[in-house]
Amino acid sequence: MDELRNDVRNEPRDDLVVRTDGLTKRYSDRLAVDGVGMTVRRGEVYGFLGPNGAGKTTTLRMVLGLVRPTAGTATVVGRPAGAADVTARVGALIEGPGFFPYLSGRDNLRALARYRRLGDEEVERVLDLVDLTGRADDRFKGYSLGMKQRLGVAAALLGSPELIVLDEPTNGLDPAGMADMRALVVSLARGGQTVLLSSHLLAEVQEICDRVGVIDQGRLLRESTVAELRGGVTLRVRAEPEDAAIAVAMRLAGDDGVRREKDGSLDLDLAADAAPELARALVAAGLDVHEISARERSLEEVFFEMTGDQHTTKEKVS
């Protein structure tokens, strides 16, 4: 998986598939999206992250031309979002798939394909991509949530669109299905298609996305590569007495470079090669040292810190 992801990142991406400038949506007195400026590059997997109600789906709907912005602009493949010549170049699954309940999965896709003047062979291709061929003749109303989600992704892939927008694509899938979906997303980007997805599963985003945008309360807080967002390797320390350990840590890492976790350990903004110096300083101060280890923050930790989520387990030392 990592090899596939790295291959995608090494490909040149000079042109932008999606660009928004000052994108804003207001519903009466509620500001749902506030001046979002995001860029999605060709051939990448872009993760769009945010808490519930942060404005993710509204932003995606404006990118697709389904919702008219109050202010700002959105362009897709160099054209205004929602333009007729753009629609055929974009595939999307937003919120939940909608199909005719009494038609089979295959017939639902055939109806969509014929509307777009695509042949039955294209239907079979996308059914195979989402591993739904064996259940394609079952009626949609009898599908499980995961099967419905697979069919929705298959519909988004019809016609090999340049941009694929997926809102929670692994919703309802079992662990094996989630792994298959991750592999599919990476393979699409490797083949030159661009994937813009939102997901609550931050470990999943960390694994497959090249860049991410974090939105909260309608505002884009940060847009960068996953590696840049997570930052470099830091040092974790557990030593006693704790107050003395904090004093030593702050002397080496600076007043703002030490964070205390709820289990009493300390995270220091120091590179891994500073571990010997740190160990000597702690021992020289007469402390009992239980642990010094290098660690890298997960995307989930960074997300909670940025959005002020209550699940974060760190507090700044003061």
C-alpha atoms as a PDB file:
ATOM      1  CA  MET A   1       0.000   0.000   0.000  1.00  0.00           C
ATOM      2  CA  ASP A   2       2.777   2.455   0.935  1.00  0.00           C
ATOM      3  CA  GLU A   3       4.568   1.664  -2.331  1.00  0.00           C
ATOM      4  CA  LEU A   4       1.437   2.451  -4.333  1.00  0.00           C
ATOM      5  CA  ARG A   5       0.904   5.700  -2.417  1.00  0.00           C
ATOM      6  CA  ASN A   6       4.510   6.808  -2.938  1.00  0.00           C
ATOM      7  CA  ASP A   7       4.262   6.131  -6.678  1.00  0.00           C
ATOM      8  CA  VAL A   8       1.318   8.519  -6.838  1.00  0.00           C
ATOM      9  CA  ARG A   9       3.149  11.243  -4.909  1.00  0.00           C
ATOM     10  CA  ASN A  10       6.169  11.103  -7.213  1.00  0.00           C
ATOM     11  CA  GLU A  11       4.104  11.854 -10.317  1.00  0.00           C
ATOM     12  CA  PRO A  12       4.071  15.489 -11.534  1.00  0.00           C
ATOM     13  CA  ARG A  13       0.894  17.412 -10.704  1.00  0.00           C
ATOM     14  CA  ASP A  14       1.214  20.873 -12.176  1.00  0.00           C
ATOM     15  CA  ASP A  15      -2.477  21.473 -12.890  1.00  0.00           C
ATOM     16  CA  LEU A  16      -5.324  21.837 -10.430  1.00  0.00           C
ATOM     17  CA  VAL A  17      -8.453  19.754 -10.794  1.00  0.00           C
ATOM     18  CA  VAL A  18     -10.341  21.648  -8.062  1.00  0.00           C
ATOM     19  CA  ARG A  19      -9.819  25.183  -6.878  1.00  0.00           C
ATOM     20  CA  THR A  20     -12.031  27.262  -4.611  1.00  0.00           C
ATOM     21  CA  ASP A  21     -11.520  30.928  -3.742  1.00  0.00           C
ATOM     22  CA  GLY A  22     -13.407  32.514  -0.864  1.00  0.00           C
ATOM     23  CA  LEU A  23     -16.106  29.869  -1.173  1.00  0.00           C
ATOM     24  CA  THR A  24     -18.924  30.820   1.194  1.00  0.00           C
ATOM     25  CA  LYS A  25     -22.410  29.526   1.918  1.00  0.00           C
ATOM     26  CA  ARG A  26     -24.861  31.160   4.281  1.00  0.00           C
ATOM     27  CA  TYR A  27     -28.263  29.760   5.232  1.00  0.00           C
ATOM     28  CA  SER A  28     -30.274  32.613   6.719  1.00  0.00           C
ATOM     29  CA  ASP A  29     -28.298  33.597   9.818  1.00  0.00           C
ATOM     30  CA  ARG A  30     -26.069  30.488   9.812  1.00  0.00           C
ATOM     31  CA  LEU A  31     -22.680  30.602   8.098  1.00  0.00           C
ATOM     32  CA  ALA A  32     -22.113  27.017   6.929  1.00  0.00           C
ATOM     33  CA  VAL A  33     -18.965  27.624   4.858  1.00  0.00           C
ATOM     34  CA  ASP A  34     -16.757  30.640   5.426  1.00  0.00           C
ATOM     35  CA  GLY A  35     -14.307  31.715   2.717  1.00  0.00           C
ATOM     36  CA  VAL A  36     -12.816  28.307   1.933  1.00  0.00           C
ATOM     37  CA  GLY A  37      -9.847  28.277  -0.430  1.00  0.00           C
ATOM     38  CA  MET A  38      -8.746  24.754  -1.307  1.00  0.00           C
ATOM     39  CA  THR A  39      -6.746  23.156  -4.109  1.00  0.00           C
ATOM     40  CA  VAL A  40      -6.856  19.567  -5.327  1.00  0.00           C
ATOM     41  CA  ARG A  41      -4.117  18.451  -7.714  1.00  0.00           C
ATOM     42  CA  ARG A  42      -4.418  16.010 -10.562  1.00  0.00           C
ATOM     43  CA  GLY A  43      -3.676  12.396  -9.662  1.00  0.00           C
ATOM     44  CA  GLU A  44      -3.747  12.797  -5.890  1.00  0.00           C
ATOM     45  CA  VAL A  45      -5.957  11.517  -3.102  1.00  0.00           C
ATOM     46  CA  TYR A  46      -7.133  14.542  -1.128  1.00  0.00           C
ATOM     47  CA  GLY A  47      -8.726  14.022   2.277  1.00  0.00           C
ATOM     48  CA  PHE A  48     -11.275  16.595   3.417  1.00  0.00           C
ATOM     49  CA  LEU A  49     -11.578  16.405   7.205  1.00  0.00           C
ATOM     50  CA  GLY A  50     -13.719  18.059   9.826  1.00  0.00           C
ATOM     51  CA  PRO A  51     -16.091  17.391  12.738  1.00  0.00           C
ATOM     52  CA  ASN A  52     -19.775  16.796  12.093  1.00  0.00           C
ATOM     53  CA  GLY A  53     -21.403  20.035  10.971  1.00  0.00           C
ATOM     54  CA  ALA A  54     -18.077  21.614  10.020  1.00  0.00           C
ATOM     55  CA  GLY A  55     -19.174  22.341   6.435  1.00  0.00           C
ATOM     56  CA  LYS A  56     -17.595  19.397   4.583  1.00  0.00           C
ATOM     57  CA  THR A  57     -20.654  18.168   2.705  1.00  0.00           C
ATOM     58  CA  THR A  58     -21.842  21.686   1.870  1.00  0.00           C
ATOM     59  CA  THR A  59     -18.418  22.482   0.422  1.00  0.00           C
ATOM     60  CA  LEU A  60     -18.413  19.288  -1.641  1.00  0.00           C
ATOM     61  CA  ARG A  61     -21.906  20.082  -2.925  1.00  0.00           C
ATOM     62  CA  MET A  62     -20.728  23.510  -4.078  1.00  0.00           C
ATOM     63  CA  VAL A  63     -17.714  21.930  -5.796  1.00  0.00           C
ATOM     64  CA  LEU A  64     -20.133  19.646  -7.646  1.00  0.00           C
ATOM     65  CA  GLY A  65     -22.449  22.505  -8.587  1.00  0.00           C
ATOM     66  CA  LEU A  66     -25.315  21.071  -6.533  1.00  0.00           C
ATOM     67  CA  VAL A  67     -25.447  24.081  -4.203  1.00  0.00           C
ATOM     68  CA  ARG A  68     -25.035  27.694  -5.281  1.00  0.00           C
ATOM     69  CA  PRO A  69     -22.452  29.566  -3.183  1.00  0.00           C
ATOM     70  CA  THR A  70     -23.387  32.790  -1.422  1.00  0.00           C
ATOM     71  CA  ALA A  71     -19.972  34.190  -2.343  1.00  0.00           C
ATOM     72  CA  GLY A  72     -16.690  33.016  -3.828  1.00  0.00           C
ATOM     73  CA  THR A  73     -15.989  30.640  -6.691  1.00  0.00           C
ATOM     74  CA  ALA A  74     -15.294  26.971  -7.340  1.00  0.00           C
ATOM     75  CA  THR A  75     -13.676  25.659 -10.508  1.00  0.00           C
ATOM     76  CA  VAL A  76     -13.377  22.033 -11.575  1.00  0.00           C
ATOM     77  CA  VAL A  77     -10.982  20.978 -14.354  1.00  0.00           C
ATOM     78  CA  GLY A  78     -10.578  24.664 -15.144  1.00  0.00           C
ATOM     79  CA  ARG A  79     -14.302  25.376 -15.597  1.00  0.00           C
ATOM     80  CA  PRO A  80     -17.008  26.727 -13.272  1.00  0.00           C
ATOM     81  CA  ALA A  81     -18.396  24.069 -10.939  1.00  0.00           C
ATOM     82  CA  GLY A  82     -21.623  22.572 -12.260  1.00  0.00           C
ATOM     83  CA  ALA A  83     -21.048  23.602 -15.885  1.00  0.00           C
ATOM     84  CA  ALA A  84     -22.552  21.156 -18.374  1.00  0.00           C
ATOM     85  CA  ASP A  85     -19.192  20.273 -19.918  1.00  0.00           C
ATOM     86  CA  VAL A  86     -17.781  19.508 -16.445  1.00  0.00           C
ATOM     87  CA  THR A  87     -20.499  17.157 -15.204  1.00  0.00           C
ATOM     88  CA  ALA A  88     -19.489  14.266 -17.457  1.00  0.00           C
ATOM     89  CA  ARG A  89     -15.915  14.507 -16.181  1.00  0.00           C
ATOM     90  CA  VAL A  90     -16.881  14.139 -12.517  1.00  0.00           C
ATOM     91  CA  GLY A  91     -18.233  11.179 -10.549  1.00  0.00           C
ATOM     92  CA  ALA A  92     -19.608  11.557  -7.036  1.00  0.00           C
ATOM     93  CA  LEU A  93     -21.111   9.801  -4.048  1.00  0.00           C
ATOM     94  CA  ILE A  94     -22.433  12.361  -1.570  1.00  0.00           C
ATOM     95  CA  GLU A  95     -24.002  11.381   1.775  1.00  0.00           C
ATOM     96  CA  GLY A  96     -25.802   8.224   0.605  1.00  0.00           C
ATOM     97  CA  PRO A  97     -26.500   6.380  -2.661  1.00  0.00           C
ATOM     98  CA  GLY A  98     -29.976   6.732  -4.167  1.00  0.00           C
ATOM     99  CA  PHE A  99     -31.237   4.001  -6.499  1.00  0.00           C
ATOM    100  CA  PHE A 100     -34.493   2.409  -7.639  1.00  0.00           C
ATOM    101  CA  PRO A 101     -35.284  -0.084  -4.849  1.00  0.00           C
ATOM    102  CA  TYR A 102     -36.974  -2.724  -7.036  1.00  0.00           C
ATOM    103  CA  LEU A 103     -34.276  -2.803  -9.701  1.00  0.00           C
ATOM    104  CA  SER A 104     -31.177  -4.935  -9.352  1.00  0.00           C
ATOM    105  CA  GLY A 105     -27.815  -3.342  -8.755  1.00  0.00           C
ATOM    106  CA  ARG A 106     -26.824  -4.126 -12.349  1.00  0.00           C
ATOM    107  CA  ASP A 107     -30.010  -2.643 -13.818  1.00  0.00           C
ATOM    108  CA  ASN A 108     -29.655   0.499 -11.724  1.00  0.00           C
ATOM    109  CA  LEU A 109     -26.182   1.009 -13.145  1.00  0.00           C
ATOM    110  CA  ARG A 110     -27.394   0.221 -16.659  1.00  0.00           C
ATOM    111  CA  ALA A 111     -30.025   2.950 -16.359  1.00  0.00           C
ATOM    112  CA  LEU A 112     -27.343   5.451 -15.364  1.00  0.00           C
ATOM    113  CA  ALA A 113     -24.986   4.219 -18.076  1.00  0.00           C
ATOM    114  CA  ARG A 114     -27.553   4.558 -20.844  1.00  0.00           C
ATOM    115  CA  TYR A 115     -28.360   8.089 -19.746  1.00  0.00           C
ATOM    116  CA  ARG A 116     -24.662   8.845 -20.229  1.00  0.00           C
ATOM    117  CA  ARG A 117     -24.458   6.805 -23.451  1.00  0.00           C
ATOM    118  CA  LEU A 118     -22.178   4.188 -21.961  1.00  0.00           C
ATOM    119  CA  GLY A 119     -22.335   0.493 -22.825  1.00  0.00           C
ATOM    120  CA  ASP A 120     -23.058  -2.518 -20.650  1.00  0.00           C
ATOM    121  CA  GLU A 121     -19.361  -3.385 -20.624  1.00  0.00           C
ATOM    122  CA  GLU A 122     -18.758  -0.249 -18.566  1.00  0.00           C
ATOM    123  CA  VAL A 123     -21.335  -1.429 -16.041  1.00  0.00           C
ATOM    124  CA  GLU A 124     -19.542  -4.766 -15.716  1.00  0.00           C
ATOM    125  CA  ARG A 125     -16.205  -3.014 -15.319  1.00  0.00           C
ATOM    126  CA  VAL A 126     -17.306  -0.907 -12.341  1.00  0.00           C
ATOM    127  CA  LEU A 127     -19.185  -3.810 -10.724  1.00  0.00           C
ATOM    128  CA  ASP A 128     -15.937  -5.760 -10.789  1.00  0.00           C
ATOM    129  CA  LEU A 129     -13.984  -2.810  -9.375  1.00  0.00           C
ATOM    130  CA  VAL A 130     -16.182  -2.690  -6.272  1.00  0.00           C
ATOM    131  CA  ASP A 131     -16.441  -6.494  -5.989  1.00  0.00           C
ATOM    132  CA  LEU A 132     -20.207  -6.569  -6.465  1.00  0.00           C
ATOM    133  CA  THR A 133     -20.523  -8.743  -9.565  1.00  0.00           C
ATOM    134  CA  GLY A 134     -21.732 -11.768  -7.595  1.00  0.00           C
ATOM    135  CA  ARG A 135     -24.677  -9.838  -6.116  1.00  0.00           C
ATOM    136  CA  ALA A 136     -25.362  -7.549  -9.068  1.00  0.00           C
ATOM    137  CA  ASP A 137     -28.673  -9.248  -9.966  1.00  0.00           C
ATOM    138  CA  ASP A 138     -30.132  -8.859  -6.457  1.00  0.00           C
ATOM    139  CA  ARG A 139     -32.660  -6.086  -5.922  1.00  0.00           C
ATOM    140  CA  PHE A 140     -31.242  -2.934  -4.420  1.00  0.00           C
ATOM    141  CA  LYS A 141     -33.821  -2.930  -1.599  1.00  0.00           C
ATOM    142  CA  GLY A 142     -32.293  -6.154  -0.275  1.00  0.00           C
ATOM    143  CA  TYR A 143     -28.744  -4.848  -0.190  1.00  0.00           C
ATOM    144  CA  SER A 144     -26.912  -4.342   3.086  1.00  0.00           C
ATOM    145  CA  LEU A 145     -25.593  -0.872   3.914  1.00  0.00           C
ATOM    146  CA  GLY A 146     -22.136  -1.899   2.743  1.00  0.00           C
ATOM    147  CA  MET A 147     -23.437  -3.261  -0.571  1.00  0.00           C
ATOM    148  CA  LYS A 148     -25.414  -0.078  -1.162  1.00  0.00           C
ATOM    149  CA  GLN A 149     -22.252   1.891  -0.541  1.00  0.00           C
ATOM    150  CA  ARG A 150     -20.304  -0.246  -3.015  1.00  0.00           C
ATOM    151  CA  LEU A 151     -22.982   0.316  -5.651  1.00  0.00           C
ATOM    152  CA  GLY A 152     -22.851   4.061  -5.017  1.00  0.00           C
ATOM    153  CA  VAL A 153     -19.090   4.064  -5.549  1.00  0.00           C
ATOM    154  CA  ALA A 154     -19.549   1.988  -8.711  1.00  0.00           C
ATOM    155  CA  ALA A 155     -21.979   4.605 -10.043  1.00  0.00           C
ATOM    156  CA  ALA A 156     -19.416   7.332  -9.318  1.00  0.00           C
ATOM    157  CA  LEU A 157     -16.817   5.418 -11.343  1.00  0.00           C
ATOM    158  CA  LEU A 158     -18.933   5.063 -14.498  1.00  0.00           C
ATOM    159  CA  GLY A 159     -17.153   6.558 -17.491  1.00  0.00           C
ATOM    160  CA  SER A 160     -13.743   6.831 -15.745  1.00  0.00           C
ATOM    161  CA  PRO A 161     -14.233  10.455 -14.585  1.00  0.00           C
ATOM    162  CA  GLU A 162     -11.237  12.720 -14.088  1.00  0.00           C
ATOM    163  CA  LEU A 163     -12.443  13.715 -10.609  1.00  0.00           C
ATOM    164  CA  ILE A 164     -14.123  11.347  -8.161  1.00  0.00           C
ATOM    165  CA  VAL A 165     -15.771  12.897  -5.080  1.00  0.00           C
ATOM    166  CA  LEU A 166     -16.562  10.420  -2.318  1.00  0.00           C
ATOM    167  CA  ASP A 167     -18.308  11.317   0.935  1.00  0.00           C
ATOM    168  CA  GLU A 168     -17.567   8.610   3.542  1.00  0.00           C
ATOM    169  CA  PRO A 169     -16.877   5.870   0.953  1.00  0.00           C
ATOM    170  CA  THR A 170     -16.252   3.114   3.545  1.00  0.00           C
ATOM    171  CA  ASN A 171     -19.488   3.719   5.444  1.00  0.00           C
ATOM    172  CA  GLY A 172     -21.118   0.382   6.269  1.00  0.00           C
ATOM    173  CA  LEU A 173     -18.244  -1.764   5.019  1.00  0.00           C
ATOM    174  CA  ASP A 174     -16.678  -4.546   7.071  1.00  0.00           C
ATOM    175  CA  PRO A 175     -12.895  -4.474   7.692  1.00  0.00           C
ATOM    176  CA  ALA A 176     -12.150  -6.484   4.540  1.00  0.00           C
ATOM    177  CA  GLY A 177     -14.381  -4.223   2.477  1.00  0.00           C
ATOM    178  CA  MET A 178     -12.708  -1.147   3.925  1.00  0.00           C
ATOM    179  CA  ALA A 179      -9.302  -2.509   2.941  1.00  0.00           C
ATOM    180  CA  ASP A 180     -10.562  -3.208  -0.584  1.00  0.00           C
ATOM    181  CA  MET A 181     -11.953   0.320  -0.854  1.00  0.00           C
ATOM    182  CA  ARG A 182      -8.658   1.845   0.288  1.00  0.00           C
ATOM    183  CA  ALA A 183      -6.778  -0.193  -2.313  1.00  0.00           C
ATOM    184  CA  LEU A 184      -9.263   0.887  -4.997  1.00  0.00           C
ATOM    185  CA  VAL A 185      -8.885   4.583  -4.151  1.00  0.00           C
ATOM    186  CA  VAL A 186      -5.094   4.343  -4.321  1.00  0.00           C
ATOM    187  CA  SER A 187      -5.233   2.455  -7.623  1.00  0.00           C
ATOM    188  CA  LEU A 188      -7.531   5.105  -9.135  1.00  0.00           C
ATOM    189  CA  ALA A 189      -5.056   7.854  -8.278  1.00  0.00           C
ATOM    190  CA  ARG A 190      -2.180   5.744  -9.555  1.00  0.00           C
ATOM    191  CA  GLY A 191      -4.041   5.487 -12.862  1.00  0.00           C
ATOM    192  CA  GLY A 192      -4.225   9.279 -13.140  1.00  0.00           C
ATOM    193  CA  GLN A 193      -7.684   9.962 -11.713  1.00  0.00           C
ATOM    194  CA  THR A 194      -8.127  12.404  -8.859  1.00  0.00           C
ATOM    195  CA  VAL A 195      -9.989  11.458  -5.678  1.00  0.00           C
ATOM    196  CA  LEU A 196     -11.453  13.995  -3.255  1.00  0.00           C
ATOM    197  CA  LEU A 197     -12.873  12.221  -0.230  1.00  0.00           C
ATOM    198  CA  SER A 198     -14.201  12.997   3.204  1.00  0.00           C
ATOM    199  CA  SER A 199     -13.954  10.474   6.007  1.00  0.00           C
ATOM    200  CA  HIS A 200     -14.310  10.233   9.774  1.00  0.00           C
ATOM    201  CA  LEU A 201     -11.740   7.419   9.810  1.00  0.00           C
ATOM    202  CA  LEU A 202      -8.548   9.394  10.277  1.00  0.00           C
ATOM    203  CA  ALA A 203      -6.292   6.326  10.308  1.00  0.00           C
ATOM    204  CA  GLU A 204      -7.689   5.519   6.876  1.00  0.00           C
ATOM    205  CA  VAL A 205      -7.009   9.033   5.611  1.00  0.00           C
ATOM    206  CA  GLN A 206      -3.487   8.897   7.015  1.00  0.00           C
ATOM    207  CA  GLU A 207      -2.853   5.689   5.088  1.00  0.00           C
ATOM    208  CA  ILE A 208      -4.078   6.652   1.628  1.00  0.00           C
ATOM    209  CA  CYS A 209      -4.204  10.450   1.263  1.00  0.00           C
ATOM    210  CA  ASP A 210      -1.456  12.596  -0.244  1.00  0.00           C
ATOM    211  CA  ARG A 211      -2.780  15.898   1.081  1.00  0.00           C
ATOM    212  CA  VAL A 212      -5.541  16.912   3.437  1.00  0.00           C
ATOM    213  CA  GLY A 213      -7.632  19.954   4.224  1.00  0.00           C
ATOM    214  CA  VAL A 214      -9.019  20.416   7.733  1.00  0.00           C
ATOM    215  CA  ILE A 215     -12.235  22.406   8.096  1.00  0.00           C
ATOM    216  CA  ASP A 216     -13.941  23.462  11.316  1.00  0.00           C
ATOM    217  CA  GLN A 217     -16.917  25.786  11.832  1.00  0.00           C
ATOM    218  CA  GLY A 218     -16.939  26.440   8.102  1.00  0.00           C
ATOM    219  CA  ARG A 219     -13.327  27.653   7.868  1.00  0.00           C
ATOM    220  CA  LEU A 220     -10.386  25.839   6.307  1.00  0.00           C
ATOM    221  CA  LEU A 221      -7.831  25.636   9.104  1.00  0.00           C
ATOM    222  CA  ARG A 222      -4.980  23.983   7.235  1.00  0.00           C
ATOM    223  CA  GLU A 223      -4.140  22.401   3.901  1.00  0.00           C
ATOM    224  CA  SER A 224      -0.930  20.403   3.548  1.00  0.00           C
ATOM    225  CA  THR A 225       0.559  16.977   2.996  1.00  0.00           C
ATOM    226  CA  VAL A 226      -0.177  14.345   5.615  1.00  0.00           C
ATOM    227  CA  ALA A 227       3.513  14.222   6.573  1.00  0.00           C
ATOM    228  CA  GLU A 228       3.719  18.000   7.068  1.00  0.00           C
ATOM    229  CA  LEU A 229       0.557  18.027   9.140  1.00  0.00           C
ATOM    230  CA  ARG A 230       1.762  15.260  11.433  1.00  0.00           C
ATOM    231  CA  GLY A 231       5.128  16.950  11.911  1.00  0.00           C
ATOM    232  CA  GLY A 232       8.422  15.245  12.604  1.00  0.00           C
ATOM    233  CA  VAL A 233       9.441  12.684  15.181  1.00  0.00           C
ATOM    234  CA  THR A 234       9.287  13.842  18.815  1.00  0.00           C
ATOM    235  CA  LEU A 235      10.479  12.308  22.071  1.00  0.00           C
ATOM    236  CA  ARG A 236       8.256  10.834  24.757  1.00  0.00           C
ATOM    237  CA  VAL A 237       9.518  10.800  28.352  1.00  0.00           C
ATOM    238  CA  ARG A 238       8.302   9.197  31.556  1.00  0.00           C
ATOM    239  CA  ALA A 239      10.368  10.155  34.603  1.00  0.00           C
ATOM    240  CA  GLU A 240       9.828  10.909  38.290  1.00  0.00           C
ATOM    241  CA  PRO A 241       9.401  13.201  40.091  1.00  0.00           C
ATOM    242  CA  GLU A 242       7.157  14.660  37.398  1.00  0.00           C
ATOM    243  CA  ASP A 243       7.691  18.344  38.277  1.00  0.00           C
ATOM    244  CA  ALA A 244      11.454  17.934  38.029  1.00  0.00           C
ATOM    245  CA  ALA A 245      11.084  16.063  34.720  1.00  0.00           C
ATOM    246  CA  ILE A 246       9.006  18.939  33.338  1.00  0.00           C
ATOM    247  CA  ALA A 247      11.678  21.428  34.388  1.00  0.00           C
ATOM    248  CA  VAL A 248      14.436  19.463  32.618  1.00  0.00           C
ATOM    249  CA  ALA A 249      12.254  18.958  29.522  1.00  0.00           C
ATOM    250  CA  MET A 250      11.403  22.659  29.264  1.00  0.00           C
ATOM    251  CA  ARG A 251      15.075  23.578  29.599  1.00  0.00           C
ATOM    252  CA  LEU A 252      15.925  21.446  26.565  1.00  0.00           C
ATOM    253  CA  ALA A 253      12.770  21.784  24.422  1.00  0.00           C
ATOM    254  CA  GLY A 254      11.650  25.293  25.391  1.00  0.00           C
ATOM    255  CA  ASP A 255       8.610  26.467  27.297  1.00  0.00           C
ATOM    256  CA  ASP A 256       6.269  25.768  24.370  1.00  0.00           C
ATOM    257  CA  GLY A 257       7.925  22.496  23.362  1.00  0.00           C
ATOM    258  CA  VAL A 258       6.584  20.277  26.152  1.00  0.00           C
ATOM    259  CA  ARG A 259       3.122  18.709  26.350  1.00  0.00           C
ATOM    260  CA  ARG A 260       1.825  16.518  29.140  1.00  0.00           C
ATOM    261  CA  GLU A 261      -0.349  13.499  28.424  1.00  0.00           C
ATOM    262  CA  LYS A 262      -3.009  12.282  30.814  1.00  0.00           C
ATOM    263  CA  ASP A 263      -0.930   9.258  31.747  1.00  0.00           C
ATOM    264  CA  GLY A 264       1.782  11.601  33.074  1.00  0.00           C
ATOM    265  CA  SER A 265       4.246  11.132  30.222  1.00  0.00           C
ATOM    266  CA  LEU A 266       5.693  14.130  28.396  1.00  0.00           C
ATOM    267  CA  ASP A 267       5.956  14.830  24.681  1.00  0.00           C
ATOM    268  CA  LEU A 268       8.927  16.988  23.747  1.00  0.00           C
ATOM    269  CA  ASP A 269       9.518  18.838  20.481  1.00  0.00           C
ATOM    270  CA  LEU A 270      12.978  17.323  20.139  1.00  0.00           C
ATOM    271  CA  ALA A 271      14.401  15.174  17.357  1.00  0.00           C
ATOM    272  CA  ALA A 272      15.194  11.532  18.029  1.00  0.00           C
ATOM    273  CA  ASP A 273      18.950  12.190  18.058  1.00  0.00           C
ATOM    274  CA  ALA A 274      18.459  14.395  21.157  1.00  0.00           C
ATOM    275  CA  ALA A 275      17.572  11.321  23.256  1.00  0.00           C
ATOM    276  CA  PRO A 276      21.104  10.786  24.690  1.00  0.00           C
ATOM    277  CA  GLU A 277      21.384  14.425  25.800  1.00  0.00           C
ATOM    278  CA  LEU A 278      17.928  14.231  27.373  1.00  0.00           C
ATOM    279  CA  ALA A 279      18.800  11.015  29.208  1.00  0.00           C
ATOM    280  CA  ARG A 280      21.992  12.519  30.615  1.00  0.00           C
ATOM    281  CA  ALA A 281      20.147  15.638  31.781  1.00  0.00           C
ATOM    282  CA  LEU A 282      17.440  13.623  33.531  1.00  0.00           C
ATOM    283  CA  VAL A 283      19.933  11.341  35.265  1.00  0.00           C
ATOM    284  CA  ALA A 284      22.143  14.294  36.256  1.00  0.00           C
ATOM    285  CA  ALA A 285      19.085  15.858  37.909  1.00  0.00           C
ATOM    286  CA  GLY A 286      18.629  12.708  39.986  1.00  0.00           C
ATOM    287  CA  LEU A 287      15.398  11.577  38.318  1.00  0.00           C
ATOM    288  CA  ASP A 288      14.149   8.015  37.881  1.00  0.00           C
ATOM    289  CA  VAL A 289      13.822   7.549  34.116  1.00  0.00           C
ATOM    290  CA  HIS A 290      11.235   4.963  33.036  1.00  0.00           C
ATOM    291  CA  GLU A 291      10.984   5.681  29.311  1.00  0.00           C
ATOM    292  CA  ILE A 292      12.524   7.732  26.534  1.00  0.00           C
ATOM    293  CA  SER A 293      11.153   6.852  23.106  1.00  0.00           C
ATOM    294  CA  ALA A 294      10.794   8.393  19.682  1.00  0.00           C
ATOM    295  CA  ARG A 295       7.250   8.814  18.421  1.00  0.00           C
ATOM    296  CA  GLU A 296       5.348  10.411  15.577  1.00  0.00           C
ATOM    297  CA  ARG A 297       1.974  12.040  16.055  1.00  0.00           C
ATOM    298  CA  SER A 298      -0.947  10.389  14.310  1.00  0.00           C
ATOM    299  CA  LEU A 299      -3.233  12.363  12.037  1.00  0.00           C
ATOM    300  CA  GLU A 300      -5.983  11.777  14.595  1.00  0.00           C
ATOM    301  CA  GLU A 301      -3.989  13.532  17.332  1.00  0.00           C
ATOM    302  CA  VAL A 302      -3.259  16.492  15.077  1.00  0.00           C
ATOM    303  CA  PHE A 303      -6.899  16.715  14.023  1.00  0.00           C
ATOM    304  CA  PHE A 304      -8.125  16.808  17.633  1.00  0.00           C
ATOM    305  CA  GLU A 305      -5.575  19.478  18.521  1.00  0.00           C
ATOM    306  CA  MET A 306      -6.578  21.661  15.575  1.00  0.00           C
ATOM    307  CA  THR A 307     -10.319  21.389  16.087  1.00  0.00           C
ATOM    308  CA  GLY A 308     -10.222  21.539  19.880  1.00  0.00           C
ATOM    309  CA  ASP A 309     -11.990  18.193  20.092  1.00  0.00           C
ATOM    310  CA  GLN A 310     -12.587  16.818  23.586  1.00  0.00           C
ATOM    311  CA  HIS A 311     -10.958  13.506  22.645  1.00  0.00           C
ATOM    312  CA  THR A 312      -7.467  14.974  22.674  1.00  0.00           C
ATOM    313  CA  THR A 313      -5.302  13.517  25.426  1.00  0.00           C
ATOM    314  CA  LYS A 314      -2.665  16.239  25.618  1.00  0.00           C
ATOM    315  CA  GLU A 315      -2.420  19.415  27.594  1.00  0.00           C
ATOM    316  CA  LYS A 316       0.121  22.152  27.271  1.00  0.00           C
ATOM    317  CA  VAL A 317       2.519  22.435  30.186  1.00  0.00           C
ATOM    318  CA  SER A 318       2.584  25.850  31.796  1.00  0.00           C
END
